[in-house]
C-alpha atoms as a PDB file:
ATOM      1  CA  UNK A   1      -6.341  -5.333 -44.328  1.00  0.00           C
ATOM      2  CA  UNK A   2      -2.987  -3.688 -44.958  1.00  0.00           C
ATOM      3  CA  UNK A   3      -0.203  -6.267 -45.517  1.00  0.00           C
ATOM      4  CA  UNK A   4       2.055  -4.614 -42.904  1.00  0.00           C
ATOM      5  CA  UNK A   5      -0.734  -4.767 -40.297  1.00  0.00           C
ATOM      6  CA  UNK A   6      -1.368  -8.438 -41.068  1.00  0.00           C
ATOM      7  CA  UNK A   7       2.325  -9.319 -40.752  1.00  0.00           C
ATOM      8  CA  UNK A   8       2.546  -7.318 -37.505  1.00  0.00           C
ATOM      9  CA  UNK A   9      -0.419  -9.181 -36.025  1.00  0.00           C
ATOM     10  CA  UNK A  10       1.042 -12.527 -37.130  1.00  0.00           C
ATOM     11  CA  UNK A  11       4.364 -11.617 -35.505  1.00  0.00           C
ATOM     12  CA  UNK A  12       2.784 -10.645 -32.190  1.00  0.00           C
ATOM     13  CA  UNK A  13       0.545 -13.740 -32.213  1.00  0.00           C
ATOM     14  CA  UNK A  14       3.571 -15.918 -32.985  1.00  0.00           C
ATOM     15  CA  UNK A  15       5.412 -14.457 -29.988  1.00  0.00           C
ATOM     16  CA  UNK A  16       2.351 -15.148 -27.835  1.00  0.00           C
ATOM     17  CA  UNK A  17       2.381 -18.798 -28.974  1.00  0.00           C
ATOM     18  CA  UNK A  18       6.110 -19.061 -28.282  1.00  0.00           C
ATOM     19  CA  UNK A  19       5.641 -17.531 -24.820  1.00  0.00           C
ATOM     20  CA  UNK A  20       3.217 -20.301 -23.885  1.00  0.00           C
ATOM     21  CA  UNK A  21       5.729 -23.067 -24.640  1.00  0.00           C
ATOM     22  CA  UNK A  22       8.606 -22.590 -22.226  1.00  0.00           C
ATOM     23  CA  UNK A  23      10.807 -25.697 -22.347  1.00  0.00           C
ATOM     24  CA  UNK A  24      12.152 -25.108 -18.851  1.00  0.00           C
ATOM     25  CA  UNK A  25       8.598 -25.045 -17.495  1.00  0.00           C
ATOM     26  CA  UNK A  26       7.807 -28.323 -19.263  1.00  0.00           C
ATOM     27  CA  UNK A  27      10.928 -29.881 -17.784  1.00  0.00           C
ATOM     28  CA  UNK A  28       9.880 -28.728 -14.299  1.00  0.00           C
ATOM     29  CA  UNK A  29       6.402 -30.244 -14.701  1.00  0.00           C
ATOM     30  CA  UNK A  30       7.872 -33.503 -16.030  1.00  0.00           C
ATOM     31  CA  UNK A  31      10.564 -33.523 -13.348  1.00  0.00           C
ATOM     32  CA  UNK A  32      13.213 -34.282 -15.966  1.00  0.00           C
ATOM     33  CA  UNK A  33      15.437 -31.915 -17.921  1.00  0.00           C
ATOM     34  CA  UNK A  34      16.780 -33.247 -21.194  1.00  0.00           C
ATOM     35  CA  UNK A  35      20.330 -32.983 -22.443  1.00  0.00           C
ATOM     36  CA  UNK A  36      23.804 -33.287 -21.010  1.00  0.00           C
ATOM     37  CA  UNK A  37      26.062 -31.174 -18.904  1.00  0.00           C
ATOM     38  CA  UNK A  38      26.394 -29.959 -15.351  1.00  0.00           C
ATOM     39  CA  UNK A  39      23.468 -27.527 -15.635  1.00  0.00           C
ATOM     40  CA  UNK A  40      21.086 -30.322 -16.675  1.00  0.00           C
ATOM     41  CA  UNK A  41      22.362 -32.633 -13.933  1.00  0.00           C
ATOM     42  CA  UNK A  42      21.804 -29.904 -11.318  1.00  0.00           C
ATOM     43  CA  UNK A  43      18.278 -29.289 -12.580  1.00  0.00           C
ATOM     44  CA  UNK A  44      17.403 -32.969 -12.441  1.00  0.00           C
ATOM     45  CA  UNK A  45      18.822 -33.216  -8.914  1.00  0.00           C
ATOM     46  CA  UNK A  46      16.646 -30.275  -7.880  1.00  0.00           C
ATOM     47  CA  UNK A  47      13.557 -31.677  -9.614  1.00  0.00           C
ATOM     48  CA  UNK A  48      14.006 -35.002  -7.803  1.00  0.00           C
ATOM     49  CA  UNK A  49      13.758 -33.202  -4.438  1.00  0.00           C
ATOM     50  CA  UNK A  50      10.514 -31.410  -5.305  1.00  0.00           C
ATOM     51  CA  UNK A  51       6.929 -32.570  -5.085  1.00  0.00           C
ATOM     52  CA  UNK A  52       4.725 -32.379  -8.160  1.00  0.00           C
ATOM     53  CA  UNK A  53       3.054 -29.299  -6.643  1.00  0.00           C
ATOM     54  CA  UNK A  54       6.420 -27.625  -6.067  1.00  0.00           C
ATOM     55  CA  UNK A  55       7.476 -28.418  -9.640  1.00  0.00           C
ATOM     56  CA  UNK A  56       4.270 -26.759 -10.880  1.00  0.00           C
ATOM     57  CA  UNK A  57       5.123 -23.615  -8.908  1.00  0.00           C
ATOM     58  CA  UNK A  58       8.630 -23.644 -10.376  1.00  0.00           C
ATOM     59  CA  UNK A  59       7.194 -24.201 -13.867  1.00  0.00           C
ATOM     60  CA  UNK A  60       4.882 -21.220 -13.490  1.00  0.00           C
ATOM     61  CA  UNK A  61       7.809 -19.100 -12.329  1.00  0.00           C
ATOM     62  CA  UNK A  62       9.945 -20.202 -15.304  1.00  0.00           C
ATOM     63  CA  UNK A  63       7.071 -19.583 -17.708  1.00  0.00           C
ATOM     64  CA  UNK A  64       6.451 -16.100 -16.308  1.00  0.00           C
ATOM     65  CA  UNK A  65      10.155 -15.259 -16.517  1.00  0.00           C
ATOM     66  CA  UNK A  66      10.208 -16.461 -20.128  1.00  0.00           C
ATOM     67  CA  UNK A  67       7.181 -14.324 -20.984  1.00  0.00           C
ATOM     68  CA  UNK A  68       8.699 -11.356 -19.164  1.00  0.00           C
ATOM     69  CA  UNK A  69      11.858 -11.638 -21.244  1.00  0.00           C
ATOM     70  CA  UNK A  70       9.846 -11.479 -24.456  1.00  0.00           C
ATOM     71  CA  UNK A  71       7.861  -8.504 -23.132  1.00  0.00           C
ATOM     72  CA  UNK A  72      11.039  -6.678 -22.062  1.00  0.00           C
ATOM     73  CA  UNK A  73      12.619  -7.204 -25.493  1.00  0.00           C
ATOM     74  CA  UNK A  74       9.480  -5.871 -27.194  1.00  0.00           C
ATOM     75  CA  UNK A  75       9.477  -2.803 -24.938  1.00  0.00           C
ATOM     76  CA  UNK A  76      13.123  -2.172 -25.849  1.00  0.00           C
ATOM     77  CA  UNK A  77      12.241  -2.364 -29.543  1.00  0.00           C
ATOM     78  CA  UNK A  78       9.356   0.005 -28.910  1.00  0.00           C
ATOM     79  CA  UNK A  79      11.712   2.473 -27.243  1.00  0.00           C
ATOM     80  CA  UNK A  80      13.980   2.330 -30.312  1.00  0.00           C
ATOM     81  CA  UNK A  81      10.961   2.890 -32.554  1.00  0.00           C
ATOM     82  CA  UNK A  82       9.729   5.858 -30.514  1.00  0.00           C
ATOM     83  CA  UNK A  83      13.030   7.469 -29.597  1.00  0.00           C
ATOM     84  CA  UNK A  84      15.512   6.442 -32.264  1.00  0.00           C
ATOM     85  CA  UNK A  85      13.279   6.238 -35.325  1.00  0.00           C
ATOM     86  CA  UNK A  86      13.788   2.502 -35.795  1.00  0.00           C
ATOM     87  CA  UNK A  87      11.577   0.806 -38.373  1.00  0.00           C
ATOM     88  CA  UNK A  88      10.714  -2.879 -38.654  1.00  0.00           C
ATOM     89  CA  UNK A  89      10.162  -4.081 -42.189  1.00  0.00           C
ATOM     90  CA  UNK A  90       9.237  -7.521 -43.476  1.00  0.00           C
ATOM     91  CA  UNK A  91       8.955  -8.335 -47.164  1.00  0.00           C
ATOM     92  CA  UNK A  92       9.349  -4.626 -47.882  1.00  0.00           C
ATOM     93  CA  UNK A  93       6.399  -3.724 -45.639  1.00  0.00           C
ATOM     94  CA  UNK A  94       6.893  -1.462 -42.638  1.00  0.00           C
ATOM     95  CA  UNK A  95       5.198  -2.973 -39.610  1.00  0.00           C
ATOM     96  CA  UNK A  96       2.921  -0.526 -37.767  1.00  0.00           C
ATOM     97  CA  UNK A  97       4.331  -1.238 -34.310  1.00  0.00           C
ATOM     98  CA  UNK A  98       2.545   1.778 -32.812  1.00  0.00           C
ATOM     99  CA  UNK A  99      -0.829   1.344 -34.551  1.00  0.00           C
ATOM    100  CA  UNK A 100      -2.518  -0.382 -31.625  1.00  0.00           C
ATOM    101  CA  UNK A 101      -1.239  -0.332 -28.038  1.00  0.00           C
ATOM    102  CA  UNK A 102       2.475  -0.814 -28.768  1.00  0.00           C
ATOM    103  CA  UNK A 103       4.574  -3.947 -29.082  1.00  0.00           C
ATOM    104  CA  UNK A 104       4.699  -4.873 -25.393  1.00  0.00           C
ATOM    105  CA  UNK A 105       1.072  -4.107 -24.649  1.00  0.00           C
ATOM    106  CA  UNK A 106      -0.164  -5.821 -27.807  1.00  0.00           C
ATOM    107  CA  UNK A 107       1.793  -8.906 -26.734  1.00  0.00           C
ATOM    108  CA  UNK A 108       0.318  -8.874 -23.212  1.00  0.00           C
ATOM    109  CA  UNK A 109      -3.168  -8.133 -24.502  1.00  0.00           C
ATOM    110  CA  UNK A 110      -3.084 -10.986 -27.000  1.00  0.00           C
ATOM    111  CA  UNK A 111      -1.829 -13.345 -24.268  1.00  0.00           C
ATOM    112  CA  UNK A 112      -4.972 -12.360 -22.359  1.00  0.00           C
ATOM    113  CA  UNK A 113      -7.192 -13.122 -25.390  1.00  0.00           C
ATOM    114  CA  UNK A 114      -7.636  -9.469 -26.401  1.00  0.00           C
ATOM    115  CA  UNK A 115      -9.080  -9.214 -29.917  1.00  0.00           C
ATOM    116  CA  UNK A 116      -7.330  -7.166 -32.569  1.00  0.00           C
ATOM    117  CA  UNK A 117      -9.316  -3.993 -33.329  1.00  0.00           C
ATOM    118  CA  UNK A 118     -10.632  -3.557 -36.863  1.00  0.00           C
END
C-alpha cells in the first residue's frame, strides 16, 4: 500500500476514534463536569437537575455535535482541496484526500464501520 494512502487512512481512523470520546458527553453521563470556573459550575447545576435518562439524551446530543464539528472541518478542508488546490502532506507524502469518498464521507463511513477499499 502507498505510504500516503496508509497515512491518510490512519488520520481518518484517528479522527473517528477521537469523535467517539467526547468529554462533554462523558461528563453528562457521569453527571459531573470536571474543572473550575463559572461554566463548569453551571453545567454541574444543570446535571444535578436531570435524570440519568435525560443526561444520556444530552450526552448523545453533545457527542453528535462534536462529531458534526469534525465532519464540518473535514468538508471545509475538502473544499480547499477541490477548489483552491490545497494539498495535505505528512512526512513528505501527499495524502490522497480524494482517492475514496472524500474526507467528510470517509470519516462518516468509517464511523459506520465501512471497510477501506483495496
